[in-house]
C-alpha cells in the first residue's frame, strides 16, 4: 500500500492509483484504460510516476529509450485521477467478478453453474481417496464421509436450481456461489 497520494504507471504496464488511504492496482494499462479511457501517456512515454509527499511532488516519466525525464503531463489530470481512487478500486473489484463483461443472462447462468460445479468438485476431491480405497481394497467408506459427500452434492443442486430461477443480470451478479456449502 502506497501511504501517500500517487499515480504510478509502471513500464511493465501495471497502474497503481493511491489516495494515501486506499489504492487500486490494475495489472495492465488496458485494464486501467477500460475505466479511464482518456488516460493516454505522452508520445514515447512508457511509464509515469506522480507522487505527492507533503508539500513535495515528484513527477517523472520513463521514455521508450529508457531515459527518465521530468514529467510533462498536467498535474491537475493526475490529481483528478488520484481523487477517483475509490471509484477505481470499485471498478477493479468488479473486474474480478466472474461475470465481469458478461452481457447475456444465459451466459451468466452458465458461468455461475460452472463455478458451482468447480466448487463441488474441489470439495468432493478431498474425500475421493476413500472411494478409491474402497474400490481397490474393499475397505468401506465411513458413513460420515458418504453423508458429507451427499450434502455437497445437495448444496450444488440447490445452487444450480437457484441460479436457474434468476432472470436478470443484476440478480446473477450478486448471487453468492460461495454461500450455502456444508462445513468441512
Protein backbone atom coordinates (compact mmCIF):
# COMPACT_ATOMS: atom_id res chain seq x y z
CA UNK A 1 0.00 0.00 0.00
CA UNK A 2 1.37 3.35 -1.02
CA UNK A 3 0.93 5.64 2.02
CA UNK A 4 0.65 8.89 0.06
CA UNK A 5 -1.25 10.18 -2.98
CA UNK A 6 0.26 8.68 -6.12
CA UNK A 7 -0.38 7.76 -9.73
CA UNK A 8 2.16 5.23 -10.96
CA UNK A 9 2.11 3.76 -14.45
CA UNK A 10 4.97 1.28 -14.39
CA UNK A 11 6.93 0.45 -17.51
CA UNK A 12 5.57 -3.13 -17.36
CA UNK A 13 2.02 -1.75 -17.76
CA UNK A 14 0.87 -2.05 -14.15
CA UNK A 15 -1.03 1.04 -12.99
CA UNK A 16 -1.37 1.92 -9.30
CA UNK A 17 -3.51 4.80 -8.04
CA UNK A 18 -3.46 5.69 -4.34
CA UNK A 19 -5.07 8.44 -2.31
CA UNK A 20 -2.87 7.56 0.66
CA UNK A 21 -5.58 5.53 2.39
CA UNK A 22 -6.83 3.31 -0.44
CA UNK A 23 -5.22 2.02 -3.59
CA UNK A 24 -6.35 0.48 -6.86
CA UNK A 25 -4.00 -1.79 -8.81
CA UNK A 26 -4.56 -2.64 -12.47
CA UNK A 27 -2.39 -5.42 -13.90
CA UNK A 28 -2.34 -3.87 -17.37
CA UNK A 29 -2.59 -0.43 -18.91
CA UNK A 30 -5.52 -1.76 -20.97
CA UNK A 31 -7.42 -2.68 -17.78
CA UNK A 32 -6.88 0.82 -16.40
CA UNK A 33 -7.89 2.43 -19.68
CA UNK A 34 -11.13 0.40 -19.62
CA UNK A 35 -12.00 2.52 -16.57
CA UNK A 36 -10.16 5.72 -17.55
CA UNK A 37 -10.22 5.79 -21.37
CA UNK A 38 -8.92 9.36 -21.52
CA UNK A 39 -5.58 8.40 -19.99
CA UNK A 40 -3.02 8.30 -22.77
CA UNK A 41 0.65 8.66 -21.88
CA UNK A 42 2.57 11.25 -23.83
CA UNK A 43 4.31 10.26 -27.04
CA UNK A 44 7.22 7.93 -26.32
CA UNK A 45 6.28 7.66 -22.63
CA UNK A 46 6.11 4.11 -21.25
CA UNK A 47 5.97 4.94 -17.55
CA UNK A 48 4.79 7.75 -15.27
CA UNK A 49 5.43 8.37 -11.60
CA UNK A 50 3.42 11.17 -10.00
CA UNK A 51 3.54 11.27 -6.19
CA UNK A 52 2.72 13.88 -3.59
CA UNK A 53 4.51 13.69 -0.26
CA UNK A 54 3.53 16.58 1.93
CA UNK A 55 4.41 19.79 0.10
CA UNK A 56 6.66 18.00 -2.38
CA UNK A 57 5.60 16.46 -5.68
CA UNK A 58 7.62 14.01 -7.71
CA UNK A 59 6.67 13.73 -11.36
CA UNK A 60 8.89 11.78 -13.74
CA UNK A 61 8.37 9.89 -16.97
CA UNK A 62 10.23 6.95 -18.43
CA UNK A 63 10.67 7.03 -22.19
CA UNK A 64 10.82 4.17 -24.71
CA UNK A 65 14.59 4.55 -24.94
CA UNK A 66 14.92 4.00 -21.17
CA UNK A 67 15.72 7.57 -20.21
CA UNK A 68 13.89 9.31 -17.40
CA UNK A 69 12.83 12.94 -17.58
CA UNK A 70 10.85 15.42 -15.55
CA UNK A 71 7.14 14.86 -16.06
CA UNK A 72 5.40 16.86 -18.74
CA UNK A 73 1.83 15.78 -18.01
CA UNK A 74 -0.73 18.09 -16.43
CA UNK A 75 -0.61 17.87 -12.63
CA UNK A 76 -4.35 18.60 -12.39
CA UNK A 77 -5.06 15.50 -14.50
CA UNK A 78 -3.06 13.27 -12.14
CA UNK A 79 -4.63 14.91 -9.06
CA UNK A 80 -8.09 14.28 -10.55
CA UNK A 81 -7.25 10.61 -11.11
CA UNK A 82 -5.92 10.30 -7.55
CA UNK A 83 -9.18 11.83 -6.28
CA UNK A 84 -11.03 8.98 -8.03
CA UNK A 85 -9.10 6.21 -6.23
CA UNK A 86 -12.26 4.83 -4.56
CA UNK A 87 -14.03 4.67 -7.95
CA UNK A 88 -11.04 2.89 -9.46
CA UNK A 89 -10.90 0.43 -6.55
CA UNK A 90 -14.59 -0.38 -7.01
CA UNK A 91 -14.14 -0.82 -10.76
CA UNK A 92 -11.11 -3.04 -10.19
CA UNK A 93 -13.10 -5.19 -7.75
CA UNK A 94 -15.88 -5.53 -10.32
CA UNK A 95 -13.31 -6.73 -12.87
CA UNK A 96 -12.51 -9.64 -10.56
CA UNK A 97 -16.13 -10.80 -10.55
CA UNK A 98 -16.64 -13.93 -12.68
CA UNK A 99 -19.47 -12.20 -14.55
CA UNK A 100 -17.44 -9.11 -15.46
CA UNK A 101 -18.12 -8.37 -19.12
CA UNK A 102 -20.92 -10.95 -19.44
CA UNK A 103 -23.97 -9.32 -21.03
CA UNK A 104 -26.27 -12.31 -21.60
CA UNK A 105 -28.41 -13.93 -18.87
CA UNK A 106 -27.89 -17.47 -20.21
CA UNK A 107 -24.14 -16.96 -20.45
CA UNK A 108 -24.10 -15.58 -16.90
CA UNK A 109 -26.02 -18.61 -15.64
CA UNK A 110 -23.53 -20.89 -17.37
CA UNK A 111 -20.57 -19.11 -15.74
CA UNK A 112 -22.14 -19.40 -12.27
CA UNK A 113 -23.14 -23.05 -12.75
CA UNK A 114 -19.56 -23.77 -13.83
CA UNK A 115 -18.31 -22.06 -10.65
CA UNK A 116 -20.68 -24.21 -8.58
CA UNK A 117 -19.55 -27.40 -10.31
CA UNK A 118 -15.91 -26.47 -9.74
CA UNK A 119 -16.57 -25.73 -6.06
CA UNK A 120 -18.35 -29.07 -5.62
CA UNK A 121 -15.55 -30.89 -7.44
CA UNK A 122 -12.92 -29.36 -5.17
CA UNK A 123 -14.88 -30.25 -2.05
CA UNK A 124 -15.56 -33.81 -3.23
CA UNK A 125 -11.94 -34.33 -4.25
CA UNK A 126 -10.90 -34.06 -0.60
CA UNK A 127 -12.61 -37.40 0.12
CA UNK A 128 -12.23 -39.17 -3.22
CA UNK A 129 -9.45 -41.29 -1.76
CA UNK A 130 -11.99 -43.08 0.47
CA UNK A 131 -13.92 -44.23 -2.59
CA UNK A 132 -10.75 -45.21 -4.44
CA UNK A 133 -9.59 -47.19 -1.40
CA UNK A 134 -12.98 -48.94 -1.25
CA UNK A 135 -12.82 -49.82 -4.96
CA UNK A 136 -9.25 -51.08 -4.72
CA UNK A 137 -9.20 -52.82 -1.33
CA UNK A 138 -12.80 -53.31 -0.29
CA UNK A 139 -12.36 -51.15 2.84
CA UNK A 140 -15.70 -49.46 3.40
CA UNK A 141 -16.02 -45.69 3.15
CA UNK A 142 -17.17 -44.28 6.52
CA UNK A 143 -20.82 -43.24 6.60
CA UNK A 144 -19.99 -39.71 7.76
CA UNK A 145 -17.85 -39.27 4.63
CA UNK A 146 -20.67 -40.55 2.42
CA UNK A 147 -23.11 -38.21 4.21
CA UNK A 148 -20.75 -35.24 3.76
CA UNK A 149 -20.39 -36.00 0.05
CA UNK A 150 -24.18 -36.23 -0.31
CA UNK A 151 -24.51 -32.84 1.43
CA UNK A 152 -22.03 -31.31 -1.02
CA UNK A 153 -23.97 -32.67 -3.99
CA UNK A 154 -27.24 -31.40 -2.47
CA UNK A 155 -25.73 -27.93 -1.98
CA UNK A 156 -24.54 -27.91 -5.60
CA UNK A 157 -28.00 -28.95 -6.79
CA UNK A 158 -29.59 -26.18 -4.68
CA UNK A 159 -27.18 -23.61 -6.13
CA UNK A 160 -27.93 -24.73 -9.68
CA UNK A 161 -31.69 -24.53 -9.08
CA UNK A 162 -31.36 -21.06 -7.54
CA UNK A 163 -29.23 -19.85 -10.46
CA UNK A 164 -31.74 -21.24 -12.98
CA UNK A 165 -34.50 -19.25 -11.25
CA UNK A 166 -32.69 -15.91 -11.57
CA UNK A 167 -33.74 -13.96 -14.63
CA UNK A 168 -31.70 -10.73 -14.61
CA UNK A 169 -28.00 -9.99 -14.89
CA UNK A 170 -28.25 -7.88 -11.75
CA UNK A 171 -29.61 -10.81 -9.73
CA UNK A 172 -27.00 -13.16 -11.15
CA UNK A 173 -24.20 -10.67 -10.47
CA UNK A 174 -24.97 -10.56 -6.74
CA UNK A 175 -25.62 -14.31 -6.37
CA UNK A 176 -23.07 -15.80 -3.94
CA UNK A 177 -21.84 -19.20 -5.13
CA UNK A 178 -19.63 -19.42 -2.03
CA UNK A 179 -22.52 -19.48 0.45
CA UNK A 180 -24.59 -22.48 1.49
CA UNK A 181 -21.94 -25.19 1.39
CA UNK A 182 -21.74 -27.69 4.27
CA UNK A 183 -18.90 -27.28 6.75
CA UNK A 184 -15.86 -29.40 6.05
